[in-house]
PDB file of N, CA and C in Angstrom:
ATOM      1  N   UNK A   1       0.828  -1.182   0.000  1.00  0.00           N
ATOM      2  CA  UNK A   1       0.000   0.000   0.000  1.00  0.00           C
ATOM      3  C   UNK A   1       0.876   1.251   0.000  1.00  0.00           C
ATOM      4  N   UNK A   2       0.428   2.245  -0.698  1.00  0.00           N
ATOM      5  CA  UNK A   2       1.107   3.531  -0.752  1.00  0.00           C
ATOM      6  C   UNK A   2       0.196   4.596  -0.174  1.00  0.00           C
ATOM      7  N   UNK A   3       0.800   5.605   0.419  1.00  0.00           N
ATOM      8  CA  UNK A   3       0.007   6.696   0.979  1.00  0.00           C
ATOM      9  C   UNK A   3       0.805   7.981   0.914  1.00  0.00           C
ATOM     10  N   UNK A   4       0.089   9.093   0.940  1.00  0.00           N
ATOM     11  CA  UNK A   4       0.701  10.405   1.047  1.00  0.00           C
ATOM     12  C   UNK A   4       0.203  11.011   2.347  1.00  0.00           C
ATOM     13  N   UNK A   5       1.142  11.351   3.253  1.00  0.00           N
ATOM     14  CA  UNK A   5       0.776  11.920   4.546  1.00  0.00           C
ATOM     15  C   UNK A   5       1.328  13.332   4.659  1.00  0.00           C
ATOM     16  N   UNK A   6       0.731  14.095   5.559  1.00  0.00           N
ATOM     17  CA  UNK A   6       1.173  15.461   5.804  1.00  0.00           C
ATOM     18  C   UNK A   6       1.692  15.537   7.228  1.00  0.00           C
ATOM     19  N   UNK A   7       2.982  15.920   7.360  1.00  0.00           N
ATOM     20  CA  UNK A   7       3.620  16.031   8.669  1.00  0.00           C
ATOM     21  C   UNK A   7       4.446  17.313   8.680  1.00  0.00           C
ATOM     22  N   UNK A   8       4.172  18.188   9.625  1.00  0.00           N
ATOM     23  CA  UNK A   8       4.979  19.396   9.782  1.00  0.00           C
ATOM     24  C   UNK A   8       4.941  20.324   8.586  1.00  0.00           C
ATOM     25  N   UNK A   9       3.807  20.394   7.894  1.00  0.00           N
ATOM     26  CA  UNK A   9       3.687  21.287   6.753  1.00  0.00           C
ATOM     27  C   UNK A   9       4.258  20.734   5.458  1.00  0.00           C
ATOM     28  N   UNK A  10       4.755  19.508   5.482  1.00  0.00           N
ATOM     29  CA  UNK A  10       5.308  18.883   4.276  1.00  0.00           C
ATOM     30  C   UNK A  10       4.541  17.599   3.981  1.00  0.00           C
ATOM     31  N   UNK A  11       4.577  17.176   2.727  1.00  0.00           N
ATOM     32  CA  UNK A  11       3.899  15.956   2.321  1.00  0.00           C
ATOM     33  C   UNK A  11       4.940  14.888   1.998  1.00  0.00           C
ATOM     34  N   UNK A  12       4.668  13.653   2.414  1.00  0.00           N
ATOM     35  CA  UNK A  12       5.594  12.538   2.220  1.00  0.00           C
ATOM     36  C   UNK A  12       4.857  11.372   1.576  1.00  0.00           C
ATOM     37  N   UNK A  13       5.475  10.781   0.557  1.00  0.00           N
ATOM     38  CA  UNK A  13       4.977   9.566  -0.080  1.00  0.00           C
ATOM     39  C   UNK A  13       5.590   8.398   0.675  1.00  0.00           C
ATOM     40  N   UNK A  14       4.769   7.549   1.296  1.00  0.00           N
ATOM     41  CA  UNK A  14       5.286   6.484   2.153  1.00  0.00           C
ATOM     42  C   UNK A  14       4.762   5.118   1.721  1.00  0.00           C
ATOM     43  N   UNK A  15       5.547   4.110   2.041  1.00  0.00           N
ATOM     44  CA  UNK A  15       5.178   2.710   1.863  1.00  0.00           C
ATOM     45  C   UNK A  15       5.454   2.006   3.181  1.00  0.00           C
ATOM     46  N   UNK A  16       4.883   0.830   3.367  1.00  0.00           N
ATOM     47  CA  UNK A  16       5.143   0.069   4.581  1.00  0.00           C
ATOM     48  C   UNK A  16       6.596  -0.387   4.617  1.00  0.00           C
ATOM     49  N   UNK A  17       7.157  -0.459   5.820  1.00  0.00           N
ATOM     50  CA  UNK A  17       8.548  -0.857   6.092  1.00  0.00           C
ATOM     51  C   UNK A  17       9.567   0.090   5.467  1.00  0.00           C
ATOM     52  N   UNK A  18       9.194   1.349   5.306  1.00  0.00           N
ATOM     53  CA  UNK A  18      10.095   2.347   4.747  1.00  0.00           C
ATOM     54  C   UNK A  18      10.434   3.342   5.852  1.00  0.00           C
ATOM     55  N   UNK A  19      11.681   3.869   5.829  1.00  0.00           N
ATOM     56  CA  UNK A  19      12.100   4.853   6.819  1.00  0.00           C
ATOM     57  C   UNK A  19      12.112   6.233   6.176  1.00  0.00           C
ATOM     58  N   UNK A  20      11.541   7.223   6.875  1.00  0.00           N
ATOM     59  CA  UNK A  20      11.487   8.587   6.361  1.00  0.00           C
ATOM     60  C   UNK A  20      12.032   9.538   7.420  1.00  0.00           C
ATOM     61  N   UNK A  21      12.519  10.679   6.966  1.00  0.00           N
ATOM     62  CA  UNK A  21      12.983  11.730   7.848  1.00  0.00           C
ATOM     63  C   UNK A  21      11.937  12.841   7.828  1.00  0.00           C
ATOM     64  N   UNK A  22      11.383  13.179   9.001  1.00  0.00           N
ATOM     65  CA  UNK A  22      10.360  14.223   9.102  1.00  0.00           C
ATOM     66  C   UNK A  22      10.851  15.307  10.054  1.00  0.00           C
ATOM     67  N   UNK A  23      10.101  16.424  10.097  1.00  0.00           N
ATOM     68  CA  UNK A  23      10.401  17.474  11.066  1.00  0.00           C
ATOM     69  C   UNK A  23      10.393  16.858  12.462  1.00  0.00           C
ATOM     70  N   UNK A  24      11.148  17.442  13.376  1.00  0.00           N
ATOM     71  CA  UNK A  24      11.284  16.872  14.714  1.00  0.00           C
ATOM     72  C   UNK A  24       9.926  16.733  15.388  1.00  0.00           C
ATOM     73  N   UNK A  25       9.642  15.506  15.857  1.00  0.00           N
ATOM     74  CA  UNK A  25       8.415  15.204  16.582  1.00  0.00           C
ATOM     75  C   UNK A  25       8.725  15.121  18.066  1.00  0.00           C
ATOM     76  N   UNK A  26       7.724  15.345  18.880  1.00  0.00           N
ATOM     77  CA  UNK A  26       7.893  15.288  20.325  1.00  0.00           C
ATOM     78  C   UNK A  26       7.710  13.842  20.788  1.00  0.00           C
ATOM     79  N   UNK A  27       8.648  12.965  20.417  1.00  0.00           N
ATOM     80  CA  UNK A  27       8.567  11.544  20.748  1.00  0.00           C
ATOM     81  C   UNK A  27       9.979  11.006  20.945  1.00  0.00           C
ATOM     82  N   UNK A  28      10.080   9.965  21.736  1.00  0.00           N
ATOM     83  CA  UNK A  28      11.367   9.326  22.017  1.00  0.00           C
ATOM     84  C   UNK A  28      11.555   8.106  21.115  1.00  0.00           C
ATOM     85  N   UNK A  29      12.804   7.672  20.912  1.00  0.00           N
ATOM     86  CA  UNK A  29      13.031   6.458  20.117  1.00  0.00           C
ATOM     87  C   UNK A  29      12.301   5.255  20.720  1.00  0.00           C
ATOM     88  N   UNK A  30      11.645   4.497  19.866  1.00  0.00           N
ATOM     89  CA  UNK A  30      10.861   3.349  20.300  1.00  0.00           C
ATOM     90  C   UNK A  30       9.380   3.655  20.457  1.00  0.00           C
ATOM     91  N   UNK A  31       9.017   4.934  20.509  1.00  0.00           N
ATOM     92  CA  UNK A  31       7.612   5.308  20.625  1.00  0.00           C
ATOM     93  C   UNK A  31       6.889   5.069  19.303  1.00  0.00           C
ATOM     94  N   UNK A  32       5.589   4.813  19.411  1.00  0.00           N
ATOM     95  CA  UNK A  32       4.768   4.652  18.216  1.00  0.00           C
ATOM     96  C   UNK A  32       4.060   5.972  17.929  1.00  0.00           C
ATOM     97  N   UNK A  33       4.091   6.393  16.678  1.00  0.00           N
ATOM     98  CA  UNK A  33       3.403   7.626  16.282  1.00  0.00           C
ATOM     99  C   UNK A  33       2.310   7.282  15.287  1.00  0.00           C
ATOM    100  N   UNK A  34       1.275   8.118  15.291  1.00  0.00           N
ATOM    101  CA  UNK A  34       0.102   7.881  14.453  1.00  0.00           C
ATOM    102  C   UNK A  34      -0.114   9.127  13.599  1.00  0.00           C
ATOM    103  N   UNK A  35      -0.112   8.950  12.286  1.00  0.00           N
ATOM    104  CA  UNK A  35      -0.344  10.052  11.366  1.00  0.00           C
ATOM    105  C   UNK A  35      -1.768   9.933  10.837  1.00  0.00           C
ATOM    106  N   UNK A  36      -2.605  10.930  11.143  1.00  0.00           N
ATOM    107  CA  UNK A  36      -4.009  10.878  10.742  1.00  0.00           C
ATOM    108  C   UNK A  36      -4.304  11.771   9.550  1.00  0.00           C
ATOM    109  N   UNK A  37      -3.375  12.635   9.173  1.00  0.00           N
ATOM    110  CA  UNK A  37      -3.579  13.509   8.020  1.00  0.00           C
ATOM    111  C   UNK A  37      -3.091  12.780   6.767  1.00  0.00           C
ATOM    112  N   UNK A  38      -3.925  11.904   6.250  1.00  0.00           N
ATOM    113  CA  UNK A  38      -3.602  11.111   5.063  1.00  0.00           C
ATOM    114  C   UNK A  38      -4.300  11.756   3.871  1.00  0.00           C
ATOM    115  N   UNK A  39      -3.516  12.189   2.892  1.00  0.00           N
ATOM    116  CA  UNK A  39      -4.056  12.871   1.722  1.00  0.00           C
ATOM    117  C   UNK A  39      -4.477  11.904   0.621  1.00  0.00           C
ATOM    118  N   UNK A  40      -3.753  10.768   0.514  1.00  0.00           N
ATOM    119  CA  UNK A  40      -4.040   9.822  -0.555  1.00  0.00           C
ATOM    120  C   UNK A  40      -3.678   8.415  -0.099  1.00  0.00           C
ATOM    121  N   UNK A  41      -4.493   7.454  -0.487  1.00  0.00           N
ATOM    122  CA  UNK A  41      -4.226   6.041  -0.211  1.00  0.00           C
ATOM    123  C   UNK A  41      -4.442   5.287  -1.504  1.00  0.00           C
ATOM    124  N   UNK A  42      -3.367   4.711  -2.040  1.00  0.00           N
ATOM    125  CA  UNK A  42      -3.377   4.073  -3.355  1.00  0.00           C
ATOM    126  C   UNK A  42      -3.976   5.025  -4.388  1.00  0.00           C
ATOM    127  N   UNK A  43      -5.210   4.812  -4.837  1.00  0.00           N
ATOM    128  CA  UNK A  43      -5.802   5.703  -5.836  1.00  0.00           C
ATOM    129  C   UNK A  43      -6.944   6.546  -5.280  1.00  0.00           C
ATOM    130  N   UNK A  44      -7.186   6.458  -3.963  1.00  0.00           N
ATOM    131  CA  UNK A  44      -8.238   7.266  -3.346  1.00  0.00           C
ATOM    132  C   UNK A  44      -7.637   8.582  -2.876  1.00  0.00           C
ATOM    133  N   UNK A  45      -8.272   9.690  -3.259  1.00  0.00           N
ATOM    134  CA  UNK A  45      -7.781  11.011  -2.895  1.00  0.00           C
ATOM    135  C   UNK A  45      -8.785  11.658  -1.953  1.00  0.00           C
ATOM    136  N   UNK A  46      -8.290  12.262  -0.869  1.00  0.00           N
ATOM    137  CA  UNK A  46      -9.156  12.904   0.103  1.00  0.00           C
ATOM    138  C   UNK A  46      -9.445  14.340  -0.259  1.00  0.00           C
ATOM    139  N   UNK A  47     -10.393  14.924   0.476  1.00  0.00           N
ATOM    140  CA  UNK A  47     -10.766  16.314   0.224  1.00  0.00           C
ATOM    141  C   UNK A  47     -10.899  17.051   1.541  1.00  0.00           C
ATOM    142  N   UNK A  48      -9.893  17.531   2.226  1.00  0.00           N
ATOM    143  CA  UNK A  48      -8.481  17.402   1.919  1.00  0.00           C
ATOM    144  C   UNK A  48      -7.868  16.111   2.450  1.00  0.00           C
ATOM    145  N   UNK A  49      -8.490  15.503   3.493  1.00  0.00           N
ATOM    146  CA  UNK A  49      -7.931  14.275   4.073  1.00  0.00           C
ATOM    147  C   UNK A  49      -8.930  13.135   3.938  1.00  0.00           C
ATOM    148  N   UNK A  50      -8.403  11.913   3.997  1.00  0.00           N
ATOM    149  CA  UNK A  50      -9.257  10.724   3.975  1.00  0.00           C
ATOM    150  C   UNK A  50      -9.744  10.422   5.384  1.00  0.00           C
ATOM    151  N   UNK A  51     -10.999  10.044   5.509  1.00  0.00           N
ATOM    152  CA  UNK A  51     -11.587   9.720   6.807  1.00  0.00           C
ATOM    153  C   UNK A  51     -11.321   8.260   7.140  1.00  0.00           C
ATOM    154  N   UNK A  52     -10.938   7.991   8.382  1.00  0.00           N
ATOM    155  CA  UNK A  52     -10.754   6.623   8.852  1.00  0.00           C
ATOM    156  C   UNK A  52      -9.484   5.951   8.383  1.00  0.00           C
ATOM    157  N   UNK A  53      -8.562   6.691   7.828  1.00  0.00           N
ATOM    158  CA  UNK A  53      -7.294   6.123   7.367  1.00  0.00           C
ATOM    159  C   UNK A  53      -6.178   6.666   8.243  1.00  0.00           C
ATOM    160  N   UNK A  54      -5.340   5.768   8.774  1.00  0.00           N
ATOM    161  CA  UNK A  54      -4.206   6.185   9.588  1.00  0.00           C
ATOM    162  C   UNK A  54      -2.949   5.474   9.129  1.00  0.00           C
ATOM    163  N   UNK A  55      -1.836   6.104   9.382  1.00  0.00           N
ATOM    164  CA  UNK A  55      -0.530   5.514   9.097  1.00  0.00           C
ATOM    165  C   UNK A  55       0.208   5.437  10.419  1.00  0.00           C
ATOM    166  N   UNK A  56       0.667   4.238  10.771  1.00  0.00           N
ATOM    167  CA  UNK A  56       1.384   4.028  12.024  1.00  0.00           C
ATOM    168  C   UNK A  56       2.877   3.918  11.752  1.00  0.00           C
ATOM    169  N   UNK A  57       3.646   4.487  12.652  1.00  0.00           N
ATOM    170  CA  UNK A  57       5.095   4.432  12.512  1.00  0.00           C
ATOM    171  C   UNK A  57       5.763   4.314  13.858  1.00  0.00           C
ATOM    172  N   UNK A  58       7.034   3.939  13.831  1.00  0.00           N
ATOM    173  CA  UNK A  58       7.833   3.816  15.045  1.00  0.00           C
ATOM    174  C   UNK A  58       9.028   4.744  14.931  1.00  0.00           C
ATOM    175  N   UNK A  59       9.275   5.524  15.978  1.00  0.00           N
ATOM    176  CA  UNK A  59      10.396   6.463  15.971  1.00  0.00           C
ATOM    177  C   UNK A  59      11.690   5.671  16.114  1.00  0.00           C
ATOM    178  N   UNK A  60      12.594   5.845  15.148  1.00  0.00           N
ATOM    179  CA  UNK A  60      13.883   5.162  15.182  1.00  0.00           C
ATOM    180  C   UNK A  60      14.886   5.999  15.959  1.00  0.00           C
ATOM    181  N   UNK A  61      14.983   7.298  15.608  1.00  0.00           N
ATOM    182  CA  UNK A  61      15.908   8.168  16.331  1.00  0.00           C
ATOM    183  C   UNK A  61      15.574   9.624  16.066  1.00  0.00           C
ATOM    184  N   UNK A  62      16.075  10.479  16.944  1.00  0.00           N
ATOM    185  CA  UNK A  62      16.019  11.923  16.771  1.00  0.00           C
ATOM    186  C   UNK A  62      17.442  12.401  16.552  1.00  0.00           C
ATOM    187  N   UNK A  63      17.615  13.416  15.739  1.00  0.00           N
ATOM    188  CA  UNK A  63      18.964  13.910  15.487  1.00  0.00           C
ATOM    189  C   UNK A  63      18.950  15.253  14.805  1.00  0.00           C
ATOM    190  N   UNK A  64      20.146  15.655  14.351  1.00  0.00           N
ATOM    191  CA  UNK A  64      20.289  16.901  13.614  1.00  0.00           C
ATOM    192  C   UNK A  64      20.961  16.609  12.291  1.00  0.00           C
ATOM    193  N   UNK A  65      20.542  17.334  11.251  1.00  0.00           N
ATOM    194  CA  UNK A  65      21.151  17.164   9.943  1.00  0.00           C
ATOM    195  C   UNK A  65      22.531  17.806   9.925  1.00  0.00           C
ATOM    196  N   UNK A  66      23.244  17.652   8.818  1.00  0.00           N
ATOM    197  CA  UNK A  66      24.561  18.256   8.724  1.00  0.00           C
ATOM    198  C   UNK A  66      24.432  19.767   8.668  1.00  0.00           C
ATOM    199  N   UNK A  67      25.483  20.449   9.045  1.00  0.00           N
ATOM    200  CA  UNK A  67      25.447  21.900   9.114  1.00  0.00           C
ATOM    201  C   UNK A  67      25.464  22.517   7.718  1.00  0.00           C
ATOM    202  N   UNK A  68      24.650  23.542   7.551  1.00  0.00           N
ATOM    203  CA  UNK A  68      24.691  24.307   6.306  1.00  0.00           C
ATOM    204  C   UNK A  68      25.202  25.700   6.635  1.00  0.00           C
ATOM    205  N   UNK A  69      25.849  26.310   5.683  1.00  0.00           N
ATOM    206  CA  UNK A  69      26.372  27.667   5.840  1.00  0.00           C
ATOM    207  C   UNK A  69      25.425  28.642   5.172  1.00  0.00           C
ATOM    208  N   UNK A  70      25.098  29.711   5.879  1.00  0.00           N
ATOM    209  CA  UNK A  70      24.267  30.778   5.343  1.00  0.00           C
ATOM    210  C   UNK A  70      25.141  32.016   5.292  1.00  0.00           C
ATOM    211  N   UNK A  71      25.345  32.549   4.086  1.00  0.00           N
ATOM    212  CA  UNK A  71      26.196  33.724   3.909  1.00  0.00           C
ATOM    213  C   UNK A  71      25.355  34.842   3.327  1.00  0.00           C
ATOM    214  N   UNK A  72      25.224  35.929   4.088  1.00  0.00           N
ATOM    215  CA  UNK A  72      24.426  37.067   3.653  1.00  0.00           C
ATOM    216  C   UNK A  72      25.353  38.239   3.386  1.00  0.00           C
ATOM    217  N   UNK A  73      25.074  38.942   2.304  1.00  0.00           N
ATOM    218  CA  UNK A  73      25.878  40.126   2.007  1.00  0.00           C
ATOM    219  C   UNK A  73      25.094  41.051   1.092  1.00  0.00           C
ATOM    220  N   UNK A  74      25.546  42.272   1.029  1.00  0.00           N
ATOM    221  CA  UNK A  74      25.013  43.244   0.081  1.00  0.00           C
ATOM    222  C   UNK A  74      26.129  43.568  -0.893  1.00  0.00           C
ATOM    223  N   UNK A  75      25.816  43.508  -2.167  1.00  0.00           N
ATOM    224  CA  UNK A  75      26.857  43.743  -3.161  1.00  0.00           C
ATOM    225  C   UNK A  75      27.362  45.184  -3.090  1.00  0.00           C
ATOM    226  N   UNK A  76      28.617  45.330  -3.388  1.00  0.00           N
ATOM    227  CA  UNK A  76      29.307  46.621  -3.398  1.00  0.00           C
ATOM    228  C   UNK A  76      29.357  47.293  -2.029  1.00  0.00           C
ATOM    229  N   UNK A  77      29.124  46.538  -0.969  1.00  0.00           N
ATOM    230  CA  UNK A  77      29.223  47.084   0.380  1.00  0.00           C
ATOM    231  C   UNK A  77      30.021  46.078   1.207  1.00  0.00           C
ATOM    232  N   UNK A  78      31.273  46.373   1.488  1.00  0.00           N
ATOM    233  CA  UNK A  78      32.176  45.408   2.130  1.00  0.00           C
ATOM    234  C   UNK A  78      31.893  45.214   3.618  1.00  0.00           C
ATOM    235  N   UNK A  79      31.103  46.081   4.235  1.00  0.00           N
ATOM    236  CA  UNK A  79      30.912  45.971   5.675  1.00  0.00           C
ATOM    237  C   UNK A  79      29.720  45.078   6.053  1.00  0.00           C
ATOM    238  N   UNK A  80      28.809  44.831   5.141  1.00  0.00           N
ATOM    239  CA  UNK A  80      27.615  44.031   5.462  1.00  0.00           C
ATOM    240  C   UNK A  80      27.781  42.587   5.002  1.00  0.00           C
ATOM    241  N   UNK A  81      28.639  41.859   5.677  1.00  0.00           N
ATOM    242  CA  UNK A  81      28.830  40.436   5.384  1.00  0.00           C
ATOM    243  C   UNK A  81      28.630  39.646   6.668  1.00  0.00           C
ATOM    244  N   UNK A  82      27.864  38.571   6.565  1.00  0.00           N
ATOM    245  CA  UNK A  82      27.520  37.813   7.755  1.00  0.00           C
ATOM    246  C   UNK A  82      27.446  36.329   7.410  1.00  0.00           C
ATOM    247  N   UNK A  83      28.099  35.496   8.200  1.00  0.00           N
ATOM    248  CA  UNK A  83      28.060  34.055   8.009  1.00  0.00           C
ATOM    249  C   UNK A  83      27.372  33.423   9.213  1.00  0.00           C
ATOM    250  N   UNK A  84      26.414  32.545   8.924  1.00  0.00           N
ATOM    251  CA  UNK A  84      25.724  31.813   9.977  1.00  0.00           C
ATOM    252  C   UNK A  84      25.707  30.334   9.615  1.00  0.00           C
ATOM    253  N   UNK A  85      25.538  29.495  10.610  1.00  0.00           N
ATOM    254  CA  UNK A  85      25.372  28.067  10.388  1.00  0.00           C
ATOM    255  C   UNK A  85      24.054  27.608  10.969  1.00  0.00           C
ATOM    256  N   UNK A  86      23.529  26.505  10.448  1.00  0.00           N
ATOM    257  CA  UNK A  86      22.248  25.993  10.926  1.00  0.00           C
ATOM    258  C   UNK A  86      22.221  24.482  10.783  1.00  0.00           C
ATOM    259  N   UNK A  87      21.714  23.802  11.824  1.00  0.00           N
ATOM    260  CA  UNK A  87      21.501  22.358  11.782  1.00  0.00           C
ATOM    261  C   UNK A  87      20.028  22.098  12.101  1.00  0.00           C
ATOM    262  N   UNK A  88      19.305  21.565  11.130  1.00  0.00           N
ATOM    263  CA  UNK A  88      17.873  21.327  11.281  1.00  0.00           C
ATOM    264  C   UNK A  88      17.634  20.025  12.044  1.00  0.00           C
ATOM    265  N   UNK A  89      16.844  20.041  13.120  1.00  0.00           N
ATOM    266  CA  UNK A  89      16.527  18.793  13.815  1.00  0.00           C
ATOM    267  C   UNK A  89      15.532  17.946  13.020  1.00  0.00           C
ATOM    268  N   UNK A  90      15.631  16.630  13.171  1.00  0.00           N
ATOM    269  CA  UNK A  90      14.744  15.715  12.450  1.00  0.00           C
ATOM    270  C   UNK A  90      14.387  14.531  13.332  1.00  0.00           C
ATOM    271  N   UNK A  91      13.399  13.775  12.906  1.00  0.00           N
ATOM    272  CA  UNK A  91      13.020  12.509  13.522  1.00  0.00           C
ATOM    273  C   UNK A  91      12.956  11.468  12.412  1.00  0.00           C
ATOM    274  N   UNK A  92      13.629  10.351  12.622  1.00  0.00           N
ATOM    275  CA  UNK A  92      13.606   9.260  11.661  1.00  0.00           C
ATOM    276  C   UNK A  92      12.513   8.273  12.091  1.00  0.00           C
ATOM    277  N   UNK A  93      11.559   8.036  11.176  1.00  0.00           N
ATOM    278  CA  UNK A  93      10.388   7.206  11.496  1.00  0.00           C
ATOM    279  C   UNK A  93      10.337   6.035  10.521  1.00  0.00           C
ATOM    280  N   UNK A  94      10.093   4.844  11.065  1.00  0.00           N
ATOM    281  CA  UNK A  94       9.875   3.657  10.232  1.00  0.00           C
ATOM    282  C   UNK A  94       8.370   3.413  10.158  1.00  0.00           C
ATOM    283  N   UNK A  95       7.834   3.393   8.930  1.00  0.00           N
ATOM    284  CA  UNK A  95       6.395   3.177   8.724  1.00  0.00           C
ATOM    285  C   UNK A  95       6.117   1.692   8.927  1.00  0.00           C
ATOM    286  N   UNK A  96       5.263   1.385   9.910  1.00  0.00           N
ATOM    287  CA  UNK A  96       4.978  -0.020  10.220  1.00  0.00           C
ATOM    288  C   UNK A  96       3.684  -0.523   9.591  1.00  0.00           C
ATOM    289  N   UNK A  97       2.660   0.354   9.531  1.00  0.00           N
ATOM    290  CA  UNK A  97       1.376  -0.126   9.034  1.00  0.00           C
ATOM    291  C   UNK A  97       0.587   1.023   8.438  1.00  0.00           C
ATOM    292  N   UNK A  98      -0.066   0.750   7.313  1.00  0.00           N
ATOM    293  CA  UNK A  98      -0.990   1.689   6.696  1.00  0.00           C
ATOM    294  C   UNK A  98      -2.378   1.054   6.798  1.00  0.00           C
ATOM    295  N   UNK A  99      -3.206   1.640   7.681  1.00  0.00           N
ATOM    296  CA  UNK A  99      -4.521   1.052   7.961  1.00  0.00           C
ATOM    297  C   UNK A  99      -5.616   1.940   7.365  1.00  0.00           C
ATOM    298  N   UNK A 100      -6.493   1.329   6.578  1.00  0.00           N
ATOM    299  CA  UNK A 100      -7.560   2.128   6.019  1.00  0.00           C
ATOM    300  C   UNK A 100      -8.601   1.324   5.412  1.00  0.00           C
TER     301      UNK A 100
END
């Protein structure tokens, strides 16, 4: 079974026994999470969500992505240069069951 779920303002195409990286969830490794905002299941499309369809997953780990560099500047102005770094937190979830 295939499904499209909405988590943290983003949409993910998921299959059973697949691992996905989502925005950081308030859950510990080993916890079970339930995604109820299912937009599509196989060929059924919701308006906006499907009723009675849930996707179950298990939290594998929480972590941070690799650091990215953000460099801001204004052209032709040597004094306005700024470098920042950012590491986005994530949660790795293994999809265990698509019930619908």
